[in-house]
Amino acid sequence: QYFDQSFNGLGESGWRAKEKEAFQAVEDTGPDDDELVTDAIKTMLSALGDPYTRFLPKEKYEVLTAYATGGSAKAGIGVQLLEDP
């Protein structure tokens, strides 16, 4: 959800036009075309001109949410101390 109801000056119709452009850019892509889809999303978001709006790829999103919820982030280093028998 974008909190600026003016969509940073684009207006809702301008934002919907950018969204439509992004969908059209990827409508003929396959399931392995992650880079093309990512580029289309980044292009759409850059139209907002907002330095705080970011796109997180799936892997980074999973790491962030796992960290925030206390789950396993599948990345980093873990340390476990064991008593010597």
N, C-alpha and C. Protein backbone atom coordinates (compact mmCIF):
# COMPACT_ATOMS: atom_id res chain seq x y z
N GLN A 1 0.84 -1.17 0.00
CA GLN A 1 0.00 0.00 0.00
C GLN A 1 0.89 1.24 0.00
N TYR A 2 0.62 2.14 -0.90
CA TYR A 2 1.35 3.39 -0.97
C TYR A 2 0.54 4.41 -0.18
N PHE A 3 1.16 5.05 0.80
CA PHE A 3 0.43 5.90 1.73
C PHE A 3 0.14 7.30 1.20
N ASP A 4 0.89 7.76 0.22
CA ASP A 4 0.63 9.08 -0.36
C ASP A 4 -0.51 8.92 -1.37
N GLN A 5 -1.68 9.41 -1.01
CA GLN A 5 -2.87 9.22 -1.84
C GLN A 5 -2.75 9.89 -3.21
N SER A 6 -1.77 10.81 -3.37
CA SER A 6 -1.58 11.44 -4.68
C SER A 6 -0.59 10.63 -5.52
N PHE A 7 -0.10 9.53 -4.94
CA PHE A 7 0.92 8.71 -5.61
C PHE A 7 2.09 9.56 -6.07
N ASN A 8 2.53 10.39 -5.14
CA ASN A 8 3.69 11.28 -5.35
C ASN A 8 3.52 12.15 -6.59
N GLY A 9 2.30 12.64 -6.77
CA GLY A 9 2.02 13.55 -7.87
C GLY A 9 1.53 12.88 -9.15
N LEU A 10 1.61 11.55 -9.22
CA LEU A 10 1.12 10.86 -10.42
C LEU A 10 -0.40 10.81 -10.47
N GLY A 11 -1.03 10.85 -9.32
CA GLY A 11 -2.47 10.64 -9.24
C GLY A 11 -2.77 9.17 -9.42
N GLU A 12 -3.95 8.76 -9.01
CA GLU A 12 -4.29 7.34 -9.11
C GLU A 12 -4.29 6.86 -10.55
N SER A 13 -4.79 7.67 -11.48
CA SER A 13 -4.83 7.24 -12.88
C SER A 13 -3.42 7.12 -13.46
N GLY A 14 -2.52 8.02 -13.05
CA GLY A 14 -1.13 7.93 -13.51
C GLY A 14 -0.44 6.69 -12.98
N TRP A 15 -0.72 6.38 -11.71
CA TRP A 15 -0.13 5.18 -11.11
C TRP A 15 -0.69 3.93 -11.78
N ARG A 16 -1.99 3.91 -12.04
CA ARG A 16 -2.60 2.75 -12.73
C ARG A 16 -2.00 2.58 -14.12
N ALA A 17 -1.68 3.69 -14.79
CA ALA A 17 -1.05 3.61 -16.12
C ALA A 17 0.33 2.97 -16.01
N LYS A 18 1.10 3.34 -14.98
CA LYS A 18 2.43 2.74 -14.77
C LYS A 18 2.31 1.27 -14.45
N GLU A 19 1.30 0.93 -13.66
CA GLU A 19 1.05 -0.47 -13.32
C GLU A 19 0.71 -1.28 -14.58
N LYS A 20 -0.12 -0.70 -15.43
CA LYS A 20 -0.50 -1.37 -16.69
C LYS A 20 0.72 -1.56 -17.59
N GLU A 21 1.59 -0.55 -17.66
CA GLU A 21 2.82 -0.66 -18.45
C GLU A 21 3.68 -1.83 -17.94
N ALA A 22 3.76 -1.96 -16.63
CA ALA A 22 4.57 -3.04 -16.04
C ALA A 22 3.97 -4.40 -16.40
N PHE A 23 2.66 -4.52 -16.30
CA PHE A 23 2.01 -5.80 -16.67
C PHE A 23 2.23 -6.12 -18.14
N GLN A 24 2.11 -5.10 -19.00
CA GLN A 24 2.30 -5.32 -20.43
C GLN A 24 3.74 -5.72 -20.75
N ALA A 25 4.69 -5.20 -19.98
CA ALA A 25 6.10 -5.52 -20.22
C ALA A 25 6.42 -6.97 -19.93
N VAL A 26 5.60 -7.61 -19.09
CA VAL A 26 5.91 -8.99 -18.68
C VAL A 26 4.83 -9.99 -19.08
N GLU A 27 3.86 -9.57 -19.85
CA GLU A 27 2.74 -10.47 -20.15
C GLU A 27 3.14 -11.71 -20.94
N ASP A 28 4.22 -11.66 -21.67
CA ASP A 28 4.65 -12.82 -22.46
C ASP A 28 5.83 -13.55 -21.83
N THR A 29 6.09 -13.31 -20.56
CA THR A 29 7.24 -13.94 -19.91
C THR A 29 6.85 -15.29 -19.32
N GLY A 30 7.87 -16.09 -19.10
CA GLY A 30 7.67 -17.39 -18.49
C GLY A 30 8.06 -17.37 -17.03
N PRO A 31 7.92 -18.50 -16.36
CA PRO A 31 8.20 -18.56 -14.92
C PRO A 31 9.67 -18.35 -14.57
N ASP A 32 10.56 -18.47 -15.54
CA ASP A 32 11.98 -18.31 -15.27
C ASP A 32 12.51 -16.92 -15.63
N ASP A 33 11.63 -16.01 -15.95
CA ASP A 33 12.03 -14.66 -16.35
C ASP A 33 12.02 -13.68 -15.19
N ASP A 34 12.60 -14.09 -14.06
CA ASP A 34 12.60 -13.26 -12.86
C ASP A 34 13.24 -11.90 -13.09
N GLU A 35 14.31 -11.86 -13.84
CA GLU A 35 15.03 -10.60 -14.05
C GLU A 35 14.16 -9.59 -14.80
N LEU A 36 13.44 -10.04 -15.81
CA LEU A 36 12.57 -9.16 -16.58
C LEU A 36 11.43 -8.63 -15.71
N VAL A 37 10.85 -9.50 -14.91
CA VAL A 37 9.76 -9.10 -14.02
C VAL A 37 10.28 -8.11 -12.97
N THR A 38 11.44 -8.41 -12.39
CA THR A 38 12.04 -7.52 -11.40
C THR A 38 12.30 -6.14 -12.00
N ASP A 39 12.84 -6.10 -13.21
CA ASP A 39 13.10 -4.82 -13.87
C ASP A 39 11.82 -4.04 -14.12
N ALA A 40 10.74 -4.73 -14.51
CA ALA A 40 9.47 -4.06 -14.76
C ALA A 40 8.92 -3.45 -13.46
N ILE A 41 9.04 -4.18 -12.36
CA ILE A 41 8.56 -3.66 -11.07
C ILE A 41 9.40 -2.46 -10.64
N LYS A 42 10.71 -2.56 -10.78
CA LYS A 42 11.59 -1.45 -10.40
C LYS A 42 11.30 -0.21 -11.24
N THR A 43 11.03 -0.39 -12.52
CA THR A 43 10.70 0.73 -13.41
C THR A 43 9.40 1.38 -12.96
N MET A 44 8.41 0.56 -12.62
CA MET A 44 7.13 1.08 -12.17
C MET A 44 7.31 1.88 -10.88
N LEU A 45 8.05 1.34 -9.94
CA LEU A 45 8.25 2.03 -8.66
C LEU A 45 9.09 3.30 -8.80
N SER A 46 10.04 3.30 -9.73
CA SER A 46 10.88 4.48 -9.90
C SER A 46 10.07 5.68 -10.39
N ALA A 47 8.92 5.42 -11.02
CA ALA A 47 8.06 6.52 -11.48
C ALA A 47 7.56 7.36 -10.31
N LEU A 48 7.54 6.79 -9.11
CA LEU A 48 7.10 7.54 -7.94
C LEU A 48 8.12 8.59 -7.51
N GLY A 49 9.39 8.38 -7.87
CA GLY A 49 10.43 9.33 -7.50
C GLY A 49 10.62 9.42 -5.99
N ASP A 50 10.34 8.34 -5.30
CA ASP A 50 10.41 8.32 -3.84
C ASP A 50 11.62 7.51 -3.40
N PRO A 51 12.58 8.15 -2.72
CA PRO A 51 13.79 7.43 -2.32
C PRO A 51 13.54 6.36 -1.26
N TYR A 52 12.37 6.35 -0.65
CA TYR A 52 12.08 5.38 0.40
C TYR A 52 11.26 4.19 -0.09
N THR A 53 10.80 4.24 -1.32
CA THR A 53 10.06 3.12 -1.89
C THR A 53 11.07 2.16 -2.50
N ARG A 54 11.01 0.92 -2.05
CA ARG A 54 11.98 -0.08 -2.51
C ARG A 54 11.28 -1.37 -2.89
N PHE A 55 11.91 -2.10 -3.77
CA PHE A 55 11.46 -3.44 -4.13
C PHE A 55 12.44 -4.44 -3.54
N LEU A 56 11.92 -5.40 -2.81
CA LEU A 56 12.76 -6.46 -2.26
C LEU A 56 12.53 -7.73 -3.05
N PRO A 57 13.58 -8.27 -3.67
CA PRO A 57 13.44 -9.57 -4.33
C PRO A 57 13.03 -10.63 -3.30
N LYS A 58 12.49 -11.71 -3.78
CA LYS A 58 11.96 -12.77 -2.92
C LYS A 58 12.96 -13.19 -1.83
N GLU A 59 14.21 -13.39 -2.22
CA GLU A 59 15.22 -13.88 -1.27
C GLU A 59 15.45 -12.87 -0.14
N LYS A 60 15.57 -11.61 -0.49
CA LYS A 60 15.80 -10.58 0.53
C LYS A 60 14.57 -10.40 1.42
N TYR A 61 13.39 -10.51 0.82
CA TYR A 61 12.16 -10.41 1.60
C TYR A 61 12.07 -11.54 2.62
N GLU A 62 12.41 -12.76 2.19
CA GLU A 62 12.37 -13.91 3.10
C GLU A 62 13.35 -13.75 4.25
N VAL A 63 14.55 -13.26 3.96
CA VAL A 63 15.55 -13.04 5.02
C VAL A 63 15.05 -11.98 6.00
N LEU A 64 14.50 -10.88 5.47
CA LEU A 64 14.02 -9.81 6.32
C LEU A 64 12.86 -10.27 7.21
N THR A 65 11.89 -10.95 6.64
CA THR A 65 10.75 -11.39 7.44
C THR A 65 11.15 -12.46 8.44
N ALA A 66 12.06 -13.34 8.07
CA ALA A 66 12.52 -14.36 9.01
C ALA A 66 13.24 -13.69 10.19
N TYR A 67 14.05 -12.71 9.91
CA TYR A 67 14.77 -11.98 10.96
C TYR A 67 13.77 -11.27 11.87
N ALA A 68 12.78 -10.62 11.26
CA ALA A 68 11.82 -9.83 12.03
C ALA A 68 10.92 -10.70 12.91
N THR A 69 10.68 -11.93 12.48
CA THR A 69 9.79 -12.81 13.25
C THR A 69 10.56 -13.81 14.11
N GLY A 70 11.87 -13.72 14.09
CA GLY A 70 12.68 -14.61 14.92
C GLY A 70 12.91 -15.99 14.33
N GLY A 71 12.58 -16.15 13.06
CA GLY A 71 12.77 -17.44 12.40
C GLY A 71 14.16 -17.57 11.83
N SER A 72 14.37 -18.65 11.13
CA SER A 72 15.66 -18.90 10.49
C SER A 72 15.75 -18.09 9.20
N ALA A 73 16.78 -17.31 9.08
CA ALA A 73 16.93 -16.45 7.91
C ALA A 73 17.63 -17.12 6.75
N LYS A 74 18.13 -18.33 6.94
CA LYS A 74 18.84 -19.08 5.89
C LYS A 74 20.07 -18.34 5.40
N ALA A 75 20.58 -17.44 6.19
CA ALA A 75 21.76 -16.70 5.81
C ALA A 75 22.47 -16.25 7.08
N GLY A 76 23.76 -16.05 6.99
CA GLY A 76 24.51 -15.57 8.14
C GLY A 76 25.26 -16.69 8.83
N ILE A 77 25.72 -16.41 10.01
CA ILE A 77 26.53 -17.36 10.77
C ILE A 77 25.87 -17.59 12.12
N GLY A 78 25.82 -18.83 12.54
CA GLY A 78 25.27 -19.15 13.84
C GLY A 78 26.35 -19.78 14.71
N VAL A 79 26.23 -19.58 16.01
CA VAL A 79 27.19 -20.14 16.95
C VAL A 79 26.42 -20.89 18.04
N GLN A 80 26.87 -22.08 18.33
CA GLN A 80 26.26 -22.85 19.40
C GLN A 80 27.37 -23.29 20.36
N LEU A 81 27.21 -23.00 21.62
CA LEU A 81 28.20 -23.39 22.62
C LEU A 81 27.76 -24.71 23.27
N LEU A 82 28.67 -25.66 23.27
CA LEU A 82 28.38 -26.95 23.87
C LEU A 82 29.34 -27.21 25.03
N GLU A 83 28.83 -27.86 26.03
CA GLU A 83 29.68 -28.23 27.16
C GLU A 83 30.55 -29.40 26.76
N ASP A 84 31.86 -29.32 27.08
CA ASP A 84 32.80 -30.39 26.76
C ASP A 84 32.54 -31.57 27.70
N PRO A 85 32.27 -32.78 27.16
CA PRO A 85 31.93 -33.94 28.03
C PRO A 85 33.06 -34.39 28.90
